[in-house]
């Protein structure tokens, strides 16, 4: 990453504080606390640079725009609230998934997305 701008520092800080994957618009709103003049085009440019530098990871969910989280957290899965749409990180990984495979199949990777309601929406 060539430049460590105020905007990029704000986006990284927001992702670290959130503790969950954020969409570009969520990042824009939350980052304005640290970079008030930040615009959506700058958010997208910064995301692209931060992903290329390896400090931000892309979280892709089927049929939805990408979300982003701080990189370097190791293998983990996500929970998506069906009511508010927020996505949360789940610590760790279930073991024994290879045991579920039919005979002769080889698993090369996996992704797990749980659905339900977050505590705020479950009330």
C-alpha atoms as a PDB file:
ATOM      1  CA  UNK A   1       0.000   0.000   0.000  1.00  0.00           C
ATOM      2  CA  UNK A   2       1.580   3.212  -1.146  1.00  0.00           C
ATOM      3  CA  UNK A   3      -0.199   5.719   1.072  1.00  0.00           C
ATOM      4  CA  UNK A   4      -1.480   5.605   4.620  1.00  0.00           C
ATOM      5  CA  UNK A   5      -4.016   8.409   4.337  1.00  0.00           C
ATOM      6  CA  UNK A   6      -6.364   9.733   7.008  1.00  0.00           C
ATOM      7  CA  UNK A   7      -9.217   8.089   5.123  1.00  0.00           C
ATOM      8  CA  UNK A   8      -7.557   4.656   5.033  1.00  0.00           C
ATOM      9  CA  UNK A   9      -6.637   4.875   8.692  1.00  0.00           C
ATOM     10  CA  UNK A  10     -10.265   5.780   9.486  1.00  0.00           C
ATOM     11  CA  UNK A  11     -11.593   2.800   7.527  1.00  0.00           C
ATOM     12  CA  UNK A  12      -9.152   0.379   9.176  1.00  0.00           C
ATOM     13  CA  UNK A  13     -10.030   1.751  12.593  1.00  0.00           C
ATOM     14  CA  UNK A  14     -13.767   1.383  11.963  1.00  0.00           C
ATOM     15  CA  UNK A  15     -13.332  -2.223  10.792  1.00  0.00           C
ATOM     16  CA  UNK A  16     -11.279  -3.081  13.868  1.00  0.00           C
ATOM     17  CA  UNK A  17     -13.776  -1.395  16.204  1.00  0.00           C
ATOM     18  CA  UNK A  18     -16.814  -3.006  14.564  1.00  0.00           C
ATOM     19  CA  UNK A  19     -15.589  -6.545  15.125  1.00  0.00           C
ATOM     20  CA  UNK A  20     -17.813  -7.694  12.280  1.00  0.00           C
ATOM     21  CA  UNK A  21     -17.885  -7.387   8.495  1.00  0.00           C
ATOM     22  CA  UNK A  22     -19.169  -4.047   7.193  1.00  0.00           C
ATOM     23  CA  UNK A  23     -20.513  -2.943   3.850  1.00  0.00           C
ATOM     24  CA  UNK A  24     -19.146   0.129   2.088  1.00  0.00           C
ATOM     25  CA  UNK A  25     -22.047   2.356   3.193  1.00  0.00           C
ATOM     26  CA  UNK A  26     -21.665   1.254   6.825  1.00  0.00           C
ATOM     27  CA  UNK A  27     -17.950   2.039   6.595  1.00  0.00           C
ATOM     28  CA  UNK A  28     -18.709   5.449   5.119  1.00  0.00           C
ATOM     29  CA  UNK A  29     -21.071   6.409   7.942  1.00  0.00           C
ATOM     30  CA  UNK A  30     -18.882   5.059  10.740  1.00  0.00           C
ATOM     31  CA  UNK A  31     -15.645   6.483   9.277  1.00  0.00           C
ATOM     32  CA  UNK A  32     -17.018  10.023   9.187  1.00  0.00           C
ATOM     33  CA  UNK A  33     -16.279  10.263  12.924  1.00  0.00           C
ATOM     34  CA  UNK A  34     -12.586  10.220  12.019  1.00  0.00           C
ATOM     35  CA  UNK A  35     -12.656  11.666   8.486  1.00  0.00           C
ATOM     36  CA  UNK A  36     -15.732  13.934   8.239  1.00  0.00           C
ATOM     37  CA  UNK A  37     -15.293  14.785   4.548  1.00  0.00           C
ATOM     38  CA  UNK A  38     -15.002  11.164   3.445  1.00  0.00           C
ATOM     39  CA  UNK A  39     -17.026  10.243   0.340  1.00  0.00           C
ATOM     40  CA  UNK A  40     -18.220   6.910  -1.015  1.00  0.00           C
ATOM     41  CA  UNK A  41     -15.804   6.969  -3.981  1.00  0.00           C
ATOM     42  CA  UNK A  42     -12.889   7.355  -1.567  1.00  0.00           C
ATOM     43  CA  UNK A  43     -14.248   4.485   0.538  1.00  0.00           C
ATOM     44  CA  UNK A  44     -14.270   2.187  -2.502  1.00  0.00           C
ATOM     45  CA  UNK A  45     -10.769   3.278  -3.588  1.00  0.00           C
ATOM     46  CA  UNK A  46      -9.463   2.789  -0.068  1.00  0.00           C
ATOM     47  CA  UNK A  47     -11.082  -0.636   0.242  1.00  0.00           C
ATOM     48  CA  UNK A  48      -9.468  -1.700  -3.025  1.00  0.00           C
ATOM     49  CA  UNK A  49      -6.038  -0.556  -1.815  1.00  0.00           C
ATOM     50  CA  UNK A  50      -6.447  -2.111   1.642  1.00  0.00           C
ATOM     51  CA  UNK A  51      -7.552  -5.448   0.166  1.00  0.00           C
ATOM     52  CA  UNK A  52      -4.590  -5.393  -2.251  1.00  0.00           C
ATOM     53  CA  UNK A  53      -2.257  -4.671   0.680  1.00  0.00           C
ATOM     54  CA  UNK A  54      -3.690  -7.600   2.644  1.00  0.00           C
ATOM     55  CA  UNK A  55      -4.952  -5.591   5.613  1.00  0.00           C
ATOM     56  CA  UNK A  56      -8.647  -6.006   4.724  1.00  0.00           C
ATOM     57  CA  UNK A  57     -10.436  -9.210   3.698  1.00  0.00           C
ATOM     58  CA  UNK A  58     -13.528  -9.510   1.508  1.00  0.00           C
ATOM     59  CA  UNK A  59     -16.545 -11.365   2.910  1.00  0.00           C
ATOM     60  CA  UNK A  60     -18.771 -12.562   0.097  1.00  0.00           C
ATOM     61  CA  UNK A  61     -22.261 -13.835   0.829  1.00  0.00           C
ATOM     62  CA  UNK A  62     -24.475 -15.283  -1.904  1.00  0.00           C
ATOM     63  CA  UNK A  63     -26.671 -12.666  -3.577  1.00  0.00           C
ATOM     64  CA  UNK A  64     -25.368  -9.738  -1.528  1.00  0.00           C
ATOM     65  CA  UNK A  65     -22.843  -6.955  -2.033  1.00  0.00           C
ATOM     66  CA  UNK A  66     -19.444  -7.698  -0.508  1.00  0.00           C
ATOM     67  CA  UNK A  67     -18.636  -6.826   3.048  1.00  0.00           C
ATOM     68  CA  UNK A  68     -15.182  -6.262   4.472  1.00  0.00           C
ATOM     69  CA  UNK A  69     -13.378  -7.124   7.685  1.00  0.00           C
ATOM     70  CA  UNK A  70      -9.920  -6.683   9.139  1.00  0.00           C
ATOM     71  CA  UNK A  71      -7.606  -9.366   7.736  1.00  0.00           C
ATOM     72  CA  UNK A  72      -5.480 -11.810   9.677  1.00  0.00           C
ATOM     73  CA  UNK A  73      -8.184 -13.365  11.839  1.00  0.00           C
ATOM     74  CA  UNK A  74      -7.663 -16.892  10.601  1.00  0.00           C
ATOM     75  CA  UNK A  75     -10.360 -19.258   9.414  1.00  0.00           C
ATOM     76  CA  UNK A  76     -13.813 -18.434  10.786  1.00  0.00           C
ATOM     77  CA  UNK A  77     -17.459 -18.371   9.777  1.00  0.00           C
ATOM     78  CA  UNK A  78     -20.300 -15.857   9.855  1.00  0.00           C
ATOM     79  CA  UNK A  79     -23.848 -15.376  11.137  1.00  0.00           C
ATOM     80  CA  UNK A  80     -26.319 -13.226   9.189  1.00  0.00           C
ATOM     81  CA  UNK A  81     -29.299 -11.659  10.950  1.00  0.00           C
ATOM     82  CA  UNK A  82     -32.322 -12.249   8.736  1.00  0.00           C
ATOM     83  CA  UNK A  83     -34.076  -9.217  10.214  1.00  0.00           C
ATOM     84  CA  UNK A  84     -31.521  -6.370  10.134  1.00  0.00           C
ATOM     85  CA  UNK A  85     -29.096  -7.925   7.622  1.00  0.00           C
ATOM     86  CA  UNK A  86     -25.989  -7.405   9.745  1.00  0.00           C
ATOM     87  CA  UNK A  87     -23.281 -10.042   9.542  1.00  0.00           C
ATOM     88  CA  UNK A  88     -21.297 -11.171  12.579  1.00  0.00           C
ATOM     89  CA  UNK A  89     -18.099 -13.171  12.923  1.00  0.00           C
ATOM     90  CA  UNK A  90     -18.203 -16.555  14.612  1.00  0.00           C
ATOM     91  CA  UNK A  91     -15.104 -17.710  16.406  1.00  0.00           C
ATOM     92  CA  UNK A  92     -13.518 -20.936  15.303  1.00  0.00           C
ATOM     93  CA  UNK A  93     -14.722 -23.679  13.037  1.00  0.00           C
ATOM     94  CA  UNK A  94     -16.761 -26.839  13.391  1.00  0.00           C
ATOM     95  CA  UNK A  95     -14.715 -29.989  13.228  1.00  0.00           C
ATOM     96  CA  UNK A  96     -15.572 -33.236  11.530  1.00  0.00           C
ATOM     97  CA  UNK A  97     -16.952 -31.797   8.303  1.00  0.00           C
ATOM     98  CA  UNK A  98     -14.974 -34.303   6.233  1.00  0.00           C
ATOM     99  CA  UNK A  99     -16.924 -37.073   7.959  1.00  0.00           C
ATOM    100  CA  UNK A 100     -20.102 -35.768   6.299  1.00  0.00           C
ATOM    101  CA  UNK A 101     -18.765 -36.286   2.777  1.00  0.00           C
ATOM    102  CA  UNK A 102     -19.962 -39.215   0.671  1.00  0.00           C
ATOM    103  CA  UNK A 103     -17.398 -41.934   0.014  1.00  0.00           C
ATOM    104  CA  UNK A 104     -14.742 -40.898  -2.509  1.00  0.00           C
ATOM    105  CA  UNK A 105     -15.298 -37.133  -2.155  1.00  0.00           C
ATOM    106  CA  UNK A 106     -12.418 -34.842  -1.154  1.00  0.00           C
ATOM    107  CA  UNK A 107     -13.056 -31.511   0.511  1.00  0.00           C
ATOM    108  CA  UNK A 108     -10.680 -28.711  -0.478  1.00  0.00           C
ATOM    109  CA  UNK A 109     -12.322 -25.880   1.473  1.00  0.00           C
ATOM    110  CA  UNK A 110     -15.599 -24.884   3.067  1.00  0.00           C
ATOM    111  CA  UNK A 111     -17.689 -21.894   4.078  1.00  0.00           C
ATOM    112  CA  UNK A 112     -20.413 -21.853   6.686  1.00  0.00           C
ATOM    113  CA  UNK A 113     -23.053 -19.143   7.048  1.00  0.00           C
ATOM    114  CA  UNK A 114     -25.575 -19.372   9.860  1.00  0.00           C
ATOM    115  CA  UNK A 115     -28.883 -17.501   9.647  1.00  0.00           C
ATOM    116  CA  UNK A 116     -31.141 -16.249  12.413  1.00  0.00           C
ATOM    117  CA  UNK A 117     -31.736 -13.134  14.493  1.00  0.00           C
ATOM    118  CA  UNK A 118     -29.123 -11.116  16.349  1.00  0.00           C
ATOM    119  CA  UNK A 119     -29.751 -10.239  20.026  1.00  0.00           C
ATOM    120  CA  UNK A 120     -31.106  -6.774  19.165  1.00  0.00           C
ATOM    121  CA  UNK A 121     -33.620  -8.181  16.659  1.00  0.00           C
ATOM    122  CA  UNK A 122     -34.577 -11.227  18.742  1.00  0.00           C
ATOM    123  CA  UNK A 123     -36.267  -9.022  21.369  1.00  0.00           C
END
